[in-house]
Every structure is written in structure tokens, then in C-alpha cells.
């Protein structure tokens, strides 16, 4: 059966995927030809946002939920390049992802990287996990990374209470980094087609509007430039910015006051 993490790995050019994942990825790309561009833009904004947290915001602890299969420049690699003593806890609900993570995601000697097999739908299990408590000090600011994972939480309004429970457990000065698939930039025909795919079980991504995505940051101080497509969140100097309809992913960073 196709799996989102392996399909994403395929779109990023990785090798940790199966025929079913490639077939699923190719079918979505046939219907939405620029979907791979969105995956690449999402990966790039993870790296830029992590660098911002480590370099400018002084964050030394990261909770990355929905890790996905490891590729180059994961959260801990970017953070520990800036501050070698950074600590990172990765969380994913796929046993295959965790097998790869434990084999490939190695920490710097000064820092620490740990892994939890848990489900975003159950935040209390993540927050109460002994490995998290042993690795992170929840009395100090944490960078909460929810990169391309909230759109696997189906139903309108279902993501917000999960994000709120996670943020409530983190102290002032913590940050939320989130990206989320959207249909906002699609034509009416494309939006209708996508809803049909969800209804038929051919897509597992529940898109959300800018309004609903922005509501996830209620009570936080949005970091400039606010809620923007992934390719437009603090792009590298001289970077070519694709059409928004080629990306279809909202991104934002917010600080807990």
C-alpha cells in the first residue's frame, strides 16, 4: 500500500520507496503536474526555518513530529550545524520510518537526537513519553516542527485542538513552524477534482484554507513575512519564486509570548 512518507521520499528523489508509492506519486503528479515542486519547496522551508530558529531565535531544542524518511539536511543536521549542542526529538507513527531514522539520523557528539514512535492524533502520548522528557527540557523554549503533517488530520477544525495541546505544554519563547497543503490556488475545476480524490480514497491529504491554517497560530506572534506559500517564507537571496499555484503549501512561523 502507498504511504505518505515513502511517496514524499520518492518526490524528493530518494530511494526508500516501493512501487505502490511511486505509482501513487505518479498518479497525483499526472493530475497535478507541479506537486513535486511543492514537495521540494516544503523541504527547503523546513531547512530555512530551522536555521532561523537556531541562528536568530536561539532555540536549542526541537520537537519534530511527522519526521518522514530521512533525506539530506534533516532538522538536527541544520540545527547542530549552527549550535552543536542542540537536542532534537523526532516523532513518527510509521515503524519503517523509525527504523530508517535510528539508522541514519545520527546526532553530533555535543547534542542529542532521539526518536519516538507515536501518533500526532494523540499529543498526550508524545508529551508524556519518557524519551521526550529525558531529551528535552520543557521548562526551556522548544521549536515545534509540524512540517507537512497536519494535512493528514482529516475534518475541518480537527488540527487546531491538537496544535493547541502541544503548544500549551511548551513555555514562553517556544516557536511553532508549520506547513500545510492547500487548494486555495487551484482553479474551481482543480478544487472539485481534488475533493473527488479525497472522497474516493485516492488522496490522503486534507487541504486547508489560509484562514484555517492561520487559526493554528492564534495567540502566537507571527514571524515576518507571516503566512505565505512555502517558497516565499524568507527565500534565499536570488531564489526564483514559483507561481503560487505550483506550490500549494502554506508556511508560517510563530512565537509563543
C-alpha atoms as a PDB file:
ATOM      1  CA  UNK A   1       0.000   0.000   0.000  1.00  0.00           C
ATOM      2  CA  UNK A   2       1.277   3.537  -0.695  1.00  0.00           C
ATOM      3  CA  UNK A   3       2.452   5.512   2.315  1.00  0.00           C
ATOM      4  CA  UNK A   4       2.740   9.330   2.546  1.00  0.00           C
ATOM      5  CA  UNK A   5       6.311   9.317   3.902  1.00  0.00           C
ATOM      6  CA  UNK A   6       7.564   6.989   1.181  1.00  0.00           C
ATOM      7  CA  UNK A   7       5.679   8.889  -1.537  1.00  0.00           C
ATOM      8  CA  UNK A   8       7.236  12.123  -0.275  1.00  0.00           C
ATOM      9  CA  UNK A   9      10.635  10.422  -0.322  1.00  0.00           C
ATOM     10  CA  UNK A  10      10.013   9.475  -3.957  1.00  0.00           C
ATOM     11  CA  UNK A  11       9.097  13.051  -4.906  1.00  0.00           C
ATOM     12  CA  UNK A  12      12.283  14.283  -3.220  1.00  0.00           C
ATOM     13  CA  UNK A  13      14.365  11.869  -5.299  1.00  0.00           C
ATOM     14  CA  UNK A  14      15.010   9.366  -2.501  1.00  0.00           C
ATOM     15  CA  UNK A  15      15.338   5.602  -2.799  1.00  0.00           C
ATOM     16  CA  UNK A  16      13.354   4.467   0.246  1.00  0.00           C
ATOM     17  CA  UNK A  17      10.046   3.766  -1.506  1.00  0.00           C
ATOM     18  CA  UNK A  18       8.132   0.943  -3.140  1.00  0.00           C
ATOM     19  CA  UNK A  19       6.289   0.502  -6.419  1.00  0.00           C
ATOM     20  CA  UNK A  20       2.960   1.356  -4.778  1.00  0.00           C
ATOM     21  CA  UNK A  21       4.401   4.647  -3.508  1.00  0.00           C
ATOM     22  CA  UNK A  22       5.791   5.536  -6.918  1.00  0.00           C
ATOM     23  CA  UNK A  23       2.503   4.663  -8.608  1.00  0.00           C
ATOM     24  CA  UNK A  24       0.578   6.827  -6.137  1.00  0.00           C
ATOM     25  CA  UNK A  25       3.045   9.673  -6.604  1.00  0.00           C
ATOM     26  CA  UNK A  26       2.906   9.418 -10.386  1.00  0.00           C
ATOM     27  CA  UNK A  27      -0.904   9.403 -10.381  1.00  0.00           C
ATOM     28  CA  UNK A  28      -1.078  12.552  -8.260  1.00  0.00           C
ATOM     29  CA  UNK A  29       1.594  14.156 -10.413  1.00  0.00           C
ATOM     30  CA  UNK A  30      -0.378  13.290 -13.549  1.00  0.00           C
ATOM     31  CA  UNK A  31      -3.414  15.102 -12.140  1.00  0.00           C
ATOM     32  CA  UNK A  32      -1.384  17.902 -10.533  1.00  0.00           C
ATOM     33  CA  UNK A  33       1.856  18.204 -12.544  1.00  0.00           C
ATOM     34  CA  UNK A  34       3.623  20.593 -10.137  1.00  0.00           C
ATOM     35  CA  UNK A  35       3.137  18.505  -6.985  1.00  0.00           C
ATOM     36  CA  UNK A  36       6.838  17.597  -6.866  1.00  0.00           C
ATOM     37  CA  UNK A  37       7.740  21.306  -6.848  1.00  0.00           C
ATOM     38  CA  UNK A  38       5.595  21.688  -3.757  1.00  0.00           C
ATOM     39  CA  UNK A  39       7.405  18.818  -2.032  1.00  0.00           C
ATOM     40  CA  UNK A  40      10.786  20.369  -2.775  1.00  0.00           C
ATOM     41  CA  UNK A  41       9.635  23.808  -1.601  1.00  0.00           C
ATOM     42  CA  UNK A  42       8.306  22.257   1.614  1.00  0.00           C
ATOM     43  CA  UNK A  43      11.628  20.557   2.310  1.00  0.00           C
ATOM     44  CA  UNK A  44      13.542  23.766   1.655  1.00  0.00           C
ATOM     45  CA  UNK A  45      11.407  25.859   4.010  1.00  0.00           C
ATOM     46  CA  UNK A  46      11.965  23.304   6.790  1.00  0.00           C
ATOM     47  CA  UNK A  47      15.685  23.929   6.455  1.00  0.00           C
ATOM     48  CA  UNK A  48      15.354  27.725   6.318  1.00  0.00           C
ATOM     49  CA  UNK A  49      13.013  27.832   9.307  1.00  0.00           C
ATOM     50  CA  UNK A  50      15.241  25.526  11.350  1.00  0.00           C
ATOM     51  CA  UNK A  51      18.227  27.734  10.581  1.00  0.00           C
ATOM     52  CA  UNK A  52      16.224  30.805  11.634  1.00  0.00           C
ATOM     53  CA  UNK A  53      15.296  29.193  14.967  1.00  0.00           C
ATOM     54  CA  UNK A  54      18.865  28.124  15.691  1.00  0.00           C
ATOM     55  CA  UNK A  55      20.660  31.259  14.446  1.00  0.00           C
ATOM     56  CA  UNK A  56      18.282  34.123  15.200  1.00  0.00           C
ATOM     57  CA  UNK A  57      15.816  32.858  17.803  1.00  0.00           C
ATOM     58  CA  UNK A  58      18.332  30.996  19.965  1.00  0.00           C
ATOM     59  CA  UNK A  59      16.361  27.746  20.022  1.00  0.00           C
ATOM     60  CA  UNK A  60      18.379  24.754  21.221  1.00  0.00           C
ATOM     61  CA  UNK A  61      15.601  22.139  21.434  1.00  0.00           C
ATOM     62  CA  UNK A  62      13.363  20.819  18.674  1.00  0.00           C
ATOM     63  CA  UNK A  63      10.335  18.534  18.626  1.00  0.00           C
ATOM     64  CA  UNK A  64       9.839  17.366  15.031  1.00  0.00           C
ATOM     65  CA  UNK A  65       6.554  15.469  14.615  1.00  0.00           C
ATOM     66  CA  UNK A  66       5.953  13.645  11.348  1.00  0.00           C
ATOM     67  CA  UNK A  67       9.617  13.083  10.643  1.00  0.00           C
ATOM     68  CA  UNK A  68       9.255  11.222   7.377  1.00  0.00           C
ATOM     69  CA  UNK A  69      12.027   9.189   5.830  1.00  0.00           C
ATOM     70  CA  UNK A  70      15.476  10.755   6.297  1.00  0.00           C
ATOM     71  CA  UNK A  71      16.978  12.765   3.445  1.00  0.00           C
ATOM     72  CA  UNK A  72      19.774  15.342   3.355  1.00  0.00           C
ATOM     73  CA  UNK A  73      19.735  18.241   5.838  1.00  0.00           C
ATOM     74  CA  UNK A  74      17.234  16.993   8.371  1.00  0.00           C
ATOM     75  CA  UNK A  75      16.226  19.199  11.303  1.00  0.00           C
ATOM     76  CA  UNK A  76      19.048  18.074  13.590  1.00  0.00           C
ATOM     77  CA  UNK A  77      21.698  18.470  10.891  1.00  0.00           C
ATOM     78  CA  UNK A  78      20.670  22.063  10.177  1.00  0.00           C
ATOM     79  CA  UNK A  79      20.315  22.958  13.866  1.00  0.00           C
ATOM     80  CA  UNK A  80      23.527  21.277  15.018  1.00  0.00           C
ATOM     81  CA  UNK A  81      25.462  22.922  12.207  1.00  0.00           C
ATOM     82  CA  UNK A  82      24.617  26.211  13.933  1.00  0.00           C
ATOM     83  CA  UNK A  83      24.683  25.008  17.533  1.00  0.00           C
ATOM     84  CA  UNK A  84      26.265  21.570  18.003  1.00  0.00           C
ATOM     85  CA  UNK A  85      24.643  21.019  21.410  1.00  0.00           C
ATOM     86  CA  UNK A  86      21.090  21.205  20.010  1.00  0.00           C
ATOM     87  CA  UNK A  87      18.710  18.435  21.082  1.00  0.00           C
ATOM     88  CA  UNK A  88      16.085  17.014  18.769  1.00  0.00           C
ATOM     89  CA  UNK A  89      13.254  14.533  19.296  1.00  0.00           C
ATOM     90  CA  UNK A  90      11.762  13.054  16.142  1.00  0.00           C
ATOM     91  CA  UNK A  91       8.271  11.550  16.188  1.00  0.00           C
ATOM     92  CA  UNK A  92       6.571   9.403  13.558  1.00  0.00           C
ATOM     93  CA  UNK A  93       3.836   6.770  13.607  1.00  0.00           C
ATOM     94  CA  UNK A  94       5.355   4.570  10.894  1.00  0.00           C
ATOM     95  CA  UNK A  95       7.646   1.787  12.179  1.00  0.00           C
ATOM     96  CA  UNK A  96       9.522   1.775   8.860  1.00  0.00           C
ATOM     97  CA  UNK A  97      10.309   5.483   9.221  1.00  0.00           C
ATOM     98  CA  UNK A  98      11.665   4.919  12.721  1.00  0.00           C
ATOM     99  CA  UNK A  99      13.877   2.035  11.587  1.00  0.00           C
ATOM    100  CA  UNK A 100      15.442   4.310   8.966  1.00  0.00           C
ATOM    101  CA  UNK A 101      15.656   7.214  11.413  1.00  0.00           C
ATOM    102  CA  UNK A 102      17.517   5.251  14.043  1.00  0.00           C
ATOM    103  CA  UNK A 103      19.958   4.006  11.410  1.00  0.00           C
ATOM    104  CA  UNK A 104      20.557   7.287   9.583  1.00  0.00           C
ATOM    105  CA  UNK A 105      19.811  10.239  11.866  1.00  0.00           C
ATOM    106  CA  UNK A 106      22.943  10.478  13.977  1.00  0.00           C
ATOM    107  CA  UNK A 107      23.499  13.355  16.382  1.00  0.00           C
ATOM    108  CA  UNK A 108      26.594  15.485  16.839  1.00  0.00           C
ATOM    109  CA  UNK A 109      28.720  14.406  19.817  1.00  0.00           C
ATOM    110  CA  UNK A 110      27.721  17.525  21.778  1.00  0.00           C
ATOM    111  CA  UNK A 111      23.984  17.270  21.137  1.00  0.00           C
ATOM    112  CA  UNK A 112      21.415  14.528  21.218  1.00  0.00           C
ATOM    113  CA  UNK A 113      18.877  13.054  18.827  1.00  0.00           C
ATOM    114  CA  UNK A 114      16.091  10.749  19.986  1.00  0.00           C
ATOM    115  CA  UNK A 115      13.157   9.007  18.307  1.00  0.00           C
ATOM    116  CA  UNK A 116       9.618   8.232  19.407  1.00  0.00           C
ATOM    117  CA  UNK A 117       7.103   6.061  17.590  1.00  0.00           C
ATOM    118  CA  UNK A 118       3.813   7.843  18.293  1.00  0.00           C
ATOM    119  CA  UNK A 119       0.811   9.368  16.557  1.00  0.00           C
ATOM    120  CA  UNK A 120       0.109  13.096  16.199  1.00  0.00           C
ATOM    121  CA  UNK A 121      -3.553  12.315  16.864  1.00  0.00           C
ATOM    122  CA  UNK A 122      -2.572  11.580  20.484  1.00  0.00           C
ATOM    123  CA  UNK A 123      -0.465  14.546  21.679  1.00  0.00           C
ATOM    124  CA  UNK A 124      -0.549  13.447  25.314  1.00  0.00           C
ATOM    125  CA  UNK A 125       1.282  10.237  24.418  1.00  0.00           C
ATOM    126  CA  UNK A 126       4.031  12.291  22.777  1.00  0.00           C
ATOM    127  CA  UNK A 127       4.314  14.865  25.548  1.00  0.00           C
ATOM    128  CA  UNK A 128       4.341  12.229  28.281  1.00  0.00           C
ATOM    129  CA  UNK A 129       6.790   9.893  26.584  1.00  0.00           C
ATOM    130  CA  UNK A 130       9.829   9.201  28.789  1.00  0.00           C
ATOM    131  CA  UNK A 131      12.230   9.610  25.856  1.00  0.00           C
ATOM    132  CA  UNK A 132      10.963  13.128  25.235  1.00  0.00           C
ATOM    133  CA  UNK A 133      11.287  14.009  28.910  1.00  0.00           C
ATOM    134  CA  UNK A 134      14.826  12.594  29.020  1.00  0.00           C
ATOM    135  CA  UNK A 135      15.929  14.528  25.921  1.00  0.00           C
ATOM    136  CA  UNK A 136      14.167  17.894  26.103  1.00  0.00           C
ATOM    137  CA  UNK A 137      13.711  20.318  28.991  1.00  0.00           C
ATOM    138  CA  UNK A 138      10.138  21.548  28.628  1.00  0.00           C
ATOM    139  CA  UNK A 139      10.945  24.385  31.006  1.00  0.00           C
ATOM    140  CA  UNK A 140      13.055  25.915  28.223  1.00  0.00           C
ATOM    141  CA  UNK A 141      11.876  27.100  24.759  1.00  0.00           C
ATOM    142  CA  UNK A 142      11.273  24.426  22.130  1.00  0.00           C
ATOM    143  CA  UNK A 143      10.902  24.607  18.365  1.00  0.00           C
ATOM    144  CA  UNK A 144       7.779  22.609  17.497  1.00  0.00           C
ATOM    145  CA  UNK A 145       8.078  21.442  13.895  1.00  0.00           C
ATOM    146  CA  UNK A 146       4.851  20.342  12.191  1.00  0.00           C
ATOM    147  CA  UNK A 147       6.038  20.122   8.606  1.00  0.00           C
ATOM    148  CA  UNK A 148       3.582  18.705   6.063  1.00  0.00           C
ATOM    149  CA  UNK A 149       1.910  16.528   8.692  1.00  0.00           C
ATOM    150  CA  UNK A 150      -1.219  18.386   9.820  1.00  0.00           C
ATOM    151  CA  UNK A 151      -2.890  17.793   6.463  1.00  0.00           C
ATOM    152  CA  UNK A 152      -3.110  14.104   7.373  1.00  0.00           C
ATOM    153  CA  UNK A 153      -5.512  15.126  10.160  1.00  0.00           C
ATOM    154  CA  UNK A 154      -8.879  14.950   8.399  1.00  0.00           C
ATOM    155  CA  UNK A 155     -12.035  17.004   9.051  1.00  0.00           C
ATOM    156  CA  UNK A 156     -12.488  20.741   9.304  1.00  0.00           C
ATOM    157  CA  UNK A 157     -11.236  22.128  12.597  1.00  0.00           C
ATOM    158  CA  UNK A 158      -9.615  18.847  13.671  1.00  0.00           C
ATOM    159  CA  UNK A 159      -5.997  20.052  13.557  1.00  0.00           C
ATOM    160  CA  UNK A 160      -6.398  23.079  15.803  1.00  0.00           C
ATOM    161  CA  UNK A 161      -7.003  21.315  19.174  1.00  0.00           C
ATOM    162  CA  UNK A 162      -4.006  19.039  18.533  1.00  0.00           C
ATOM    163  CA  UNK A 163      -1.718  22.009  17.897  1.00  0.00           C
ATOM    164  CA  UNK A 164      -3.143  23.808  20.918  1.00  0.00           C
ATOM    165  CA  UNK A 165      -2.473  20.858  23.246  1.00  0.00           C
ATOM    166  CA  UNK A 166       1.127  20.664  22.067  1.00  0.00           C
ATOM    167  CA  UNK A 167       1.712  24.406  22.409  1.00  0.00           C
ATOM    168  CA  UNK A 168       0.100  24.528  25.853  1.00  0.00           C
ATOM    169  CA  UNK A 169       2.810  22.167  27.099  1.00  0.00           C
ATOM    170  CA  UNK A 170       5.635  24.422  25.863  1.00  0.00           C
ATOM    171  CA  UNK A 171       6.966  27.511  27.663  1.00  0.00           C
ATOM    172  CA  UNK A 172       7.042  31.136  26.582  1.00  0.00           C
ATOM    173  CA  UNK A 173       9.639  31.734  23.889  1.00  0.00           C
ATOM    174  CA  UNK A 174       8.838  28.491  22.089  1.00  0.00           C
ATOM    175  CA  UNK A 175       8.095  28.512  18.360  1.00  0.00           C
ATOM    176  CA  UNK A 176       5.693  26.725  16.042  1.00  0.00           C
ATOM    177  CA  UNK A 177       6.864  26.007  12.500  1.00  0.00           C
ATOM    178  CA  UNK A 178       4.135  24.557  10.298  1.00  0.00           C
ATOM    179  CA  UNK A 179       3.457  23.904   6.633  1.00  0.00           C
ATOM    180  CA  UNK A 180       0.202  22.667   5.164  1.00  0.00           C
ATOM    181  CA  UNK A 181      -1.189  21.684   1.771  1.00  0.00           C
ATOM    182  CA  UNK A 182      -3.908  23.929   0.377  1.00  0.00           C
ATOM    183  CA  UNK A 183      -6.272  24.101  -2.562  1.00  0.00           C
ATOM    184  CA  UNK A 184      -6.516  27.883  -2.340  1.00  0.00           C
ATOM    185  CA  UNK A 185      -4.592  28.477  -5.551  1.00  0.00           C
ATOM    186  CA  UNK A 186      -6.325  25.845  -7.667  1.00  0.00           C
ATOM    187  CA  UNK A 187      -8.973  26.562 -10.252  1.00  0.00           C
ATOM    188  CA  UNK A 188     -12.561  25.632  -9.326  1.00  0.00           C
ATOM    189  CA  UNK A 189     -12.167  22.574 -11.573  1.00  0.00           C
ATOM    190  CA  UNK A 190      -8.983  21.504  -9.788  1.00  0.00           C
ATOM    191  CA  UNK A 191     -10.566  22.017  -6.391  1.00  0.00           C
ATOM    192  CA  UNK A 192     -13.551  19.897  -7.365  1.00  0.00           C
ATOM    193  CA  UNK A 193     -11.268  17.182  -8.753  1.00  0.00           C
ATOM    194  CA  UNK A 194      -9.252  17.123  -5.536  1.00  0.00           C
ATOM    195  CA  UNK A 195     -12.347  16.742  -3.380  1.00  0.00           C
ATOM    196  CA  UNK A 196     -13.356  13.788  -5.568  1.00  0.00           C
ATOM    197  CA  UNK A 197      -9.936  12.186  -4.986  1.00  0.00           C
ATOM    198  CA  UNK A 198     -10.356  12.513  -1.226  1.00  0.00           C
ATOM    199  CA  UNK A 199     -13.871  11.087  -1.369  1.00  0.00           C
ATOM    200  CA  UNK A 200     -12.622   8.146  -3.449  1.00  0.00           C
ATOM    201  CA  UNK A 201      -9.712   7.481  -1.098  1.00  0.00           C
ATOM    202  CA  UNK A 202      -7.142   8.298  -3.774  1.00  0.00           C
ATOM    203  CA  UNK A 203      -5.574  11.101  -1.735  1.00  0.00           C
ATOM    204  CA  UNK A 204      -4.870  11.134   1.991  1.00  0.00           C
ATOM    205  CA  UNK A 205      -4.084  14.865   2.151  1.00  0.00           C
ATOM    206  CA  UNK A 206      -6.832  17.039   3.670  1.00  0.00           C
ATOM    207  CA  UNK A 207      -6.194  20.518   2.313  1.00  0.00           C
ATOM    208  CA  UNK A 208      -6.983  23.607   4.392  1.00  0.00           C
ATOM    209  CA  UNK A 209      -7.573  27.246   3.522  1.00  0.00           C
ATOM    210  CA  UNK A 210      -5.315  30.115   4.549  1.00  0.00           C
ATOM    211  CA  UNK A 211      -7.913  31.147   7.128  1.00  0.00           C
ATOM    212  CA  UNK A 212      -7.965  27.745   8.827  1.00  0.00           C
ATOM    213  CA  UNK A 213      -4.182  27.384   8.652  1.00  0.00           C
ATOM    214  CA  UNK A 214      -3.662  30.857  10.126  1.00  0.00           C
ATOM    215  CA  UNK A 215      -6.004  29.974  13.003  1.00  0.00           C
ATOM    216  CA  UNK A 216      -3.443  27.363  14.116  1.00  0.00           C
ATOM    217  CA  UNK A 217      -1.225  30.316  15.129  1.00  0.00           C
ATOM    218  CA  UNK A 218      -3.845  32.089  17.251  1.00  0.00           C
ATOM    219  CA  UNK A 219      -2.159  33.548  20.330  1.00  0.00           C
ATOM    220  CA  UNK A 220       1.297  33.408  18.756  1.00  0.00           C
ATOM    221  CA  UNK A 221       3.421  36.244  17.382  1.00  0.00           C
ATOM    222  CA  UNK A 222       3.846  35.559  13.676  1.00  0.00           C
ATOM    223  CA  UNK A 223       7.390  35.950  12.391  1.00  0.00           C
ATOM    224  CA  UNK A 224       7.732  38.026   9.223  1.00  0.00           C
ATOM    225  CA  UNK A 225       6.640  37.518   6.476  1.00  0.00           C
ATOM    226  CA  UNK A 226       3.692  35.809   8.183  1.00  0.00           C
ATOM    227  CA  UNK A 227       1.554  33.204   6.421  1.00  0.00           C
ATOM    228  CA  UNK A 228       2.880  32.780   2.884  1.00  0.00           C
ATOM    229  CA  UNK A 229       3.452  29.990   0.357  1.00  0.00           C
ATOM    230  CA  UNK A 230       6.426  27.827   1.355  1.00  0.00           C
ATOM    231  CA  UNK A 231       8.654  29.210  -1.391  1.00  0.00           C
ATOM    232  CA  UNK A 232       8.032  32.777  -0.162  1.00  0.00           C
ATOM    233  CA  UNK A 233       8.985  32.301   3.501  1.00  0.00           C
ATOM    234  CA  UNK A 234      12.386  34.006   3.735  1.00  0.00           C
ATOM    235  CA  UNK A 235      13.700  32.639   0.424  1.00  0.00           C
ATOM    236  CA  UNK A 236      17.420  32.506  -0.259  1.00  0.00           C
ATOM    237  CA  UNK A 237      18.734  35.674  -1.947  1.00  0.00           C
ATOM    238  CA  UNK A 238      18.249  35.475  -5.694  1.00  0.00           C
ATOM    239  CA  UNK A 239      15.981  32.427  -5.480  1.00  0.00           C
ATOM    240  CA  UNK A 240      13.420  32.099  -8.249  1.00  0.00           C
ATOM    241  CA  UNK A 241       9.923  32.215  -6.751  1.00  0.00           C
ATOM    242  CA  UNK A 242       7.464  29.848  -8.489  1.00  0.00           C
ATOM    243  CA  UNK A 243       3.840  30.640  -9.152  1.00  0.00           C
ATOM    244  CA  UNK A 244       1.742  30.087  -6.043  1.00  0.00           C
ATOM    245  CA  UNK A 245      -0.381  27.560  -7.931  1.00  0.00           C
ATOM    246  CA  UNK A 246       2.798  25.497  -8.441  1.00  0.00           C
ATOM    247  CA  UNK A 247       3.439  25.220  -4.691  1.00  0.00           C
ATOM    248  CA  UNK A 248       0.042  24.923  -2.957  1.00  0.00           C
ATOM    249  CA  UNK A 249       1.596  24.850   0.519  1.00  0.00           C
ATOM    250  CA  UNK A 250       1.131  27.451   3.245  1.00  0.00           C
ATOM    251  CA  UNK A 251       4.002  28.050   5.666  1.00  0.00           C
ATOM    252  CA  UNK A 252       4.418  30.135   8.810  1.00  0.00           C
ATOM    253  CA  UNK A 253       6.480  30.509  11.989  1.00  0.00           C
ATOM    254  CA  UNK A 254       5.046  31.851  15.239  1.00  0.00           C
ATOM    255  CA  UNK A 255       6.490  32.601  18.671  1.00  0.00           C
ATOM    256  CA  UNK A 256       4.658  31.834  21.908  1.00  0.00           C
ATOM    257  CA  UNK A 257       4.700  35.027  24.017  1.00  0.00           C
END
